[in-house]
Each structure stands twice: as structure tokens, then as C-alpha cells.
Amino acid sequence: MIRFLLRFLGIWLMAGGFVALVLDGVRSIASAELVATPLGVTWLATHEESLAAFQQWIGDRLPVGTWDLVIAPILQAPLFLVLAVIGLMLMLLGRPRAG
């Protein structure tokens, strides 16, 4: 059952990544330059309070500098790439056993 849920969530994240890629492609065509929406911008636009709470949570529980060295580069990565990578990892974790 857990494998099914991991695959199901992975497929949905991969689909979300594809939608984000299509939206970035449309924006790129419209502006005649490459546009890739970062994860942080999307998170800030959808729910600003949760991003601030996450930053506070990281600051309280992890060593100083974790935000700048680990989390900030992830938030600057393109949304489609982050969703696709997480979705792929979940799909690989949920794959059926061989043999």
C-alpha cells in the first residue's frame, strides 16, 4: 500500500513538473527569452506565511548557515526541475520489487 502511495504521489509531482515546464515554455515564447520560474517565487506567491514559517523552523533546528548553503539554492532552482526530481525519487522508492 505504501509503494502505491509513493508511486501515486510521484506521478502527480511529475505531472505538476510537466505543467510548470509548459507554463515556463509559454512564458519563454511570449518574452522571447528563456524563463524558468524558481521554486521560491512560486512558494512566495502561493503562501508567503508558510515560507516564513519554514525559514524560522530551519533556523531554530539546524545549524547556522544551513539556509544559505542548502535551502536557498533549492528555492532558486526551477520549479519544474524540483518537482520532477522529487517525483522521480518517489516513483523509484515505490517501484515494485524485482523477482
N, C-alpha and C. Protein backbone atom coordinates (compact mmCIF):
# COMPACT_ATOMS: atom_id res chain seq x y z
N MET A 1 0.82 -1.20 0.00
CA MET A 1 0.00 0.00 0.00
C MET A 1 0.87 1.26 0.00
N ILE A 2 1.94 1.24 0.77
CA ILE A 2 2.83 2.40 0.83
C ILE A 2 3.50 2.62 -0.53
N ARG A 3 3.90 1.53 -1.19
CA ARG A 3 4.52 1.67 -2.51
C ARG A 3 3.56 2.32 -3.50
N PHE A 4 2.30 1.94 -3.43
CA PHE A 4 1.30 2.54 -4.30
C PHE A 4 1.18 4.04 -4.03
N LEU A 5 1.15 4.43 -2.76
CA LEU A 5 1.03 5.84 -2.42
C LEU A 5 2.26 6.63 -2.87
N LEU A 6 3.45 6.04 -2.73
CA LEU A 6 4.66 6.70 -3.20
C LEU A 6 4.63 6.90 -4.72
N ARG A 7 4.24 5.86 -5.45
CA ARG A 7 4.14 5.98 -6.90
C ARG A 7 3.07 6.99 -7.30
N PHE A 8 1.94 6.95 -6.63
CA PHE A 8 0.84 7.86 -6.93
C PHE A 8 1.27 9.31 -6.72
N LEU A 9 1.88 9.59 -5.59
CA LEU A 9 2.35 10.95 -5.31
C LEU A 9 3.46 11.35 -6.28
N GLY A 10 4.34 10.41 -6.61
CA GLY A 10 5.40 10.68 -7.57
C GLY A 10 4.86 11.04 -8.94
N ILE A 11 3.84 10.33 -9.38
CA ILE A 11 3.23 10.62 -10.68
C ILE A 11 2.61 12.01 -10.68
N TRP A 12 1.93 12.36 -9.59
CA TRP A 12 1.32 13.69 -9.50
C TRP A 12 2.37 14.79 -9.49
N LEU A 13 3.47 14.57 -8.79
CA LEU A 13 4.53 15.57 -8.78
C LEU A 13 5.19 15.69 -10.16
N MET A 14 5.38 14.57 -10.84
CA MET A 14 5.91 14.61 -12.20
C MET A 14 4.95 15.37 -13.13
N ALA A 15 3.66 15.14 -12.97
CA ALA A 15 2.67 15.87 -13.77
C ALA A 15 2.72 17.36 -13.46
N GLY A 16 2.86 17.71 -12.19
CA GLY A 16 2.99 19.12 -11.82
C GLY A 16 4.25 19.74 -12.40
N GLY A 17 5.33 18.99 -12.41
CA GLY A 17 6.55 19.46 -13.03
C GLY A 17 6.38 19.70 -14.52
N PHE A 18 5.64 18.81 -15.18
CA PHE A 18 5.39 18.98 -16.61
C PHE A 18 4.54 20.23 -16.87
N VAL A 19 3.53 20.45 -16.03
CA VAL A 19 2.70 21.66 -16.17
C VAL A 19 3.55 22.91 -15.97
N ALA A 20 4.43 22.89 -14.96
CA ALA A 20 5.31 24.04 -14.73
C ALA A 20 6.25 24.26 -15.91
N LEU A 21 6.73 23.17 -16.51
CA LEU A 21 7.60 23.28 -17.68
C LEU A 21 6.85 23.90 -18.86
N VAL A 22 5.61 23.49 -19.07
CA VAL A 22 4.81 24.05 -20.16
C VAL A 22 4.55 25.53 -19.91
N LEU A 23 4.22 25.91 -18.68
CA LEU A 23 3.99 27.32 -18.37
C LEU A 23 5.25 28.15 -18.59
N ASP A 24 6.39 27.63 -18.17
CA ASP A 24 7.65 28.33 -18.41
C ASP A 24 7.95 28.42 -19.90
N GLY A 25 7.61 27.39 -20.65
CA GLY A 25 7.80 27.42 -22.09
C GLY A 25 6.94 28.47 -22.76
N VAL A 26 5.70 28.58 -22.34
CA VAL A 26 4.80 29.60 -22.89
C VAL A 26 5.33 30.99 -22.55
N ARG A 27 5.77 31.18 -21.31
CA ARG A 27 6.33 32.48 -20.93
C ARG A 27 7.61 32.78 -21.71
N SER A 28 8.41 31.76 -21.95
CA SER A 28 9.64 31.94 -22.71
C SER A 28 9.35 32.36 -24.15
N ILE A 29 8.37 31.74 -24.75
CA ILE A 29 7.99 32.09 -26.12
C ILE A 29 7.43 33.51 -26.17
N ALA A 30 6.60 33.86 -25.20
CA ALA A 30 5.99 35.19 -25.19
C ALA A 30 7.01 36.30 -24.97
N SER A 31 8.05 36.03 -24.17
CA SER A 31 9.02 37.08 -23.87
C SER A 31 10.27 36.99 -24.75
N ALA A 32 10.36 35.98 -25.59
CA ALA A 32 11.49 35.78 -26.50
C ALA A 32 12.81 35.62 -25.75
N GLU A 33 12.75 35.11 -24.53
CA GLU A 33 13.94 34.76 -23.76
C GLU A 33 13.60 33.61 -22.83
N LEU A 34 14.62 32.91 -22.36
CA LEU A 34 14.39 31.75 -21.50
C LEU A 34 13.88 32.19 -20.14
N VAL A 35 12.74 31.64 -19.74
CA VAL A 35 12.14 31.95 -18.45
C VAL A 35 11.98 30.65 -17.67
N ALA A 36 12.49 30.63 -16.45
CA ALA A 36 12.33 29.47 -15.56
C ALA A 36 11.92 30.00 -14.20
N THR A 37 10.70 29.71 -13.78
CA THR A 37 10.19 30.19 -12.51
C THR A 37 10.82 29.41 -11.36
N PRO A 38 11.50 30.09 -10.42
CA PRO A 38 12.10 29.39 -9.30
C PRO A 38 11.05 28.89 -8.30
N LEU A 39 11.40 27.83 -7.59
CA LEU A 39 10.52 27.26 -6.57
C LEU A 39 10.16 28.31 -5.53
N GLY A 40 11.14 29.09 -5.08
CA GLY A 40 10.91 30.09 -4.04
C GLY A 40 9.90 31.15 -4.45
N VAL A 41 9.94 31.56 -5.71
CA VAL A 41 9.00 32.57 -6.20
C VAL A 41 7.58 32.01 -6.20
N THR A 42 7.44 30.78 -6.63
CA THR A 42 6.13 30.14 -6.65
C THR A 42 5.60 29.95 -5.24
N TRP A 43 6.47 29.50 -4.32
CA TRP A 43 6.06 29.31 -2.93
C TRP A 43 5.66 30.64 -2.31
N LEU A 44 6.43 31.69 -2.57
CA LEU A 44 6.13 33.01 -2.03
C LEU A 44 4.80 33.53 -2.56
N ALA A 45 4.52 33.27 -3.82
CA ALA A 45 3.28 33.74 -4.43
C ALA A 45 2.06 32.97 -3.93
N THR A 46 2.24 31.69 -3.59
CA THR A 46 1.08 30.89 -3.19
C THR A 46 0.80 30.97 -1.69
N HIS A 47 1.84 30.98 -0.85
CA HIS A 47 1.59 31.00 0.59
C HIS A 47 2.82 31.57 1.31
N GLU A 48 2.86 32.88 1.39
CA GLU A 48 4.01 33.59 1.95
C GLU A 48 4.28 33.23 3.41
N GLU A 49 3.22 33.03 4.20
CA GLU A 49 3.38 32.75 5.62
C GLU A 49 4.08 31.41 5.86
N SER A 50 3.78 30.41 5.03
CA SER A 50 4.41 29.11 5.23
C SER A 50 5.89 29.14 4.89
N LEU A 51 6.28 29.96 3.91
CA LEU A 51 7.70 30.11 3.59
C LEU A 51 8.44 30.75 4.75
N ALA A 52 7.85 31.77 5.36
CA ALA A 52 8.47 32.42 6.52
C ALA A 52 8.54 31.45 7.70
N ALA A 53 7.48 30.67 7.89
CA ALA A 53 7.49 29.69 8.98
C ALA A 53 8.53 28.61 8.75
N PHE A 54 8.69 28.18 7.51
CA PHE A 54 9.71 27.18 7.17
C PHE A 54 11.11 27.72 7.42
N GLN A 55 11.34 28.98 7.05
CA GLN A 55 12.65 29.59 7.29
C GLN A 55 12.92 29.68 8.79
N GLN A 56 11.92 30.02 9.57
CA GLN A 56 12.08 30.08 11.02
C GLN A 56 12.35 28.70 11.59
N TRP A 57 11.65 27.69 11.09
CA TRP A 57 11.82 26.32 11.56
C TRP A 57 13.24 25.82 11.27
N ILE A 58 13.73 26.11 10.06
CA ILE A 58 15.10 25.72 9.70
C ILE A 58 16.10 26.43 10.60
N GLY A 59 15.89 27.72 10.84
CA GLY A 59 16.79 28.49 11.69
C GLY A 59 16.83 27.99 13.12
N ASP A 60 15.70 27.48 13.62
CA ASP A 60 15.63 27.00 15.00
C ASP A 60 16.24 25.61 15.17
N ARG A 61 16.15 24.76 14.18
CA ARG A 61 16.51 23.35 14.35
C ARG A 61 17.83 22.91 13.71
N LEU A 62 18.30 23.64 12.72
CA LEU A 62 19.50 23.23 12.00
C LEU A 62 20.62 24.24 12.23
N PRO A 63 21.86 23.83 11.98
CA PRO A 63 23.00 24.73 12.23
C PRO A 63 22.92 26.03 11.41
N VAL A 64 23.59 27.04 11.92
CA VAL A 64 23.64 28.34 11.24
C VAL A 64 24.27 28.16 9.87
N GLY A 65 23.71 28.80 8.89
CA GLY A 65 24.23 28.70 7.53
C GLY A 65 23.53 27.66 6.68
N THR A 66 22.71 26.83 7.28
CA THR A 66 22.00 25.79 6.52
C THR A 66 21.09 26.42 5.48
N TRP A 67 20.43 27.50 5.87
CA TRP A 67 19.51 28.16 4.94
C TRP A 67 20.27 28.63 3.70
N ASP A 68 21.39 29.32 3.91
CA ASP A 68 22.14 29.89 2.78
C ASP A 68 22.84 28.83 1.94
N LEU A 69 23.32 27.78 2.56
CA LEU A 69 24.10 26.77 1.84
C LEU A 69 23.26 25.67 1.20
N VAL A 70 22.14 25.33 1.82
CA VAL A 70 21.36 24.18 1.34
C VAL A 70 20.00 24.59 0.79
N ILE A 71 19.23 25.32 1.57
CA ILE A 71 17.84 25.59 1.22
C ILE A 71 17.73 26.66 0.14
N ALA A 72 18.50 27.74 0.23
CA ALA A 72 18.40 28.83 -0.75
C ALA A 72 18.67 28.36 -2.18
N PRO A 73 19.70 27.54 -2.43
CA PRO A 73 19.89 27.05 -3.81
C PRO A 73 18.71 26.20 -4.31
N ILE A 74 18.09 25.44 -3.43
CA ILE A 74 16.93 24.65 -3.83
C ILE A 74 15.77 25.57 -4.18
N LEU A 75 15.57 26.64 -3.39
CA LEU A 75 14.49 27.58 -3.67
C LEU A 75 14.75 28.39 -4.94
N GLN A 76 15.99 28.49 -5.37
CA GLN A 76 16.31 29.21 -6.61
C GLN A 76 16.26 28.30 -7.83
N ALA A 77 16.15 27.00 -7.62
CA ALA A 77 16.08 26.05 -8.74
C ALA A 77 14.72 26.18 -9.43
N PRO A 78 14.66 25.88 -10.71
CA PRO A 78 13.37 25.94 -11.43
C PRO A 78 12.35 24.98 -10.82
N LEU A 79 11.13 25.45 -10.72
CA LEU A 79 10.05 24.66 -10.12
C LEU A 79 9.87 23.33 -10.83
N PHE A 80 9.89 23.33 -12.16
CA PHE A 80 9.67 22.08 -12.89
C PHE A 80 10.75 21.05 -12.57
N LEU A 81 11.97 21.50 -12.38
CA LEU A 81 13.07 20.59 -12.08
C LEU A 81 12.93 20.00 -10.68
N VAL A 82 12.58 20.82 -9.71
CA VAL A 82 12.42 20.34 -8.34
C VAL A 82 11.28 19.33 -8.26
N LEU A 83 10.15 19.65 -8.87
CA LEU A 83 9.01 18.72 -8.84
C LEU A 83 9.34 17.41 -9.55
N ALA A 84 10.04 17.50 -10.68
CA ALA A 84 10.38 16.29 -11.43
C ALA A 84 11.35 15.41 -10.65
N VAL A 85 12.33 16.01 -10.01
CA VAL A 85 13.31 15.22 -9.25
C VAL A 85 12.66 14.55 -8.05
N ILE A 86 11.85 15.29 -7.30
CA ILE A 86 11.17 14.70 -6.14
C ILE A 86 10.19 13.62 -6.60
N GLY A 87 9.45 13.89 -7.68
CA GLY A 87 8.52 12.89 -8.21
C GLY A 87 9.23 11.63 -8.66
N LEU A 88 10.36 11.79 -9.34
CA LEU A 88 11.13 10.63 -9.79
C LEU A 88 11.65 9.82 -8.61
N MET A 89 12.14 10.49 -7.58
CA MET A 89 12.63 9.78 -6.39
C MET A 89 11.51 8.99 -5.72
N LEU A 90 10.33 9.60 -5.61
CA LEU A 90 9.20 8.88 -5.01
C LEU A 90 8.77 7.69 -5.87
N MET A 91 8.79 7.86 -7.17
CA MET A 91 8.42 6.75 -8.05
C MET A 91 9.44 5.62 -7.94
N LEU A 92 10.71 5.95 -7.81
CA LEU A 92 11.73 4.91 -7.65
C LEU A 92 11.60 4.21 -6.29
N LEU A 93 11.28 4.97 -5.25
CA LEU A 93 11.07 4.34 -3.93
C LEU A 93 9.86 3.43 -3.92
N GLY A 94 8.85 3.76 -4.73
CA GLY A 94 7.63 2.97 -4.73
C GLY A 94 7.59 1.90 -5.79
N ARG A 95 8.66 1.69 -6.53
CA ARG A 95 8.62 0.69 -7.59
C ARG A 95 8.48 -0.72 -7.01
N PRO A 96 7.85 -1.61 -7.76
CA PRO A 96 7.70 -2.98 -7.27
C PRO A 96 9.06 -3.69 -7.13
N ARG A 97 9.11 -4.61 -6.22
CA ARG A 97 10.33 -5.39 -6.01
C ARG A 97 10.60 -6.27 -7.22
N ALA A 98 11.88 -6.42 -7.54
CA ALA A 98 12.25 -7.28 -8.65
C ALA A 98 12.28 -8.73 -8.17
N GLY A 99 11.72 -9.58 -8.95
CA GLY A 99 11.78 -11.02 -8.65
C GLY A 99 10.75 -11.41 -7.73
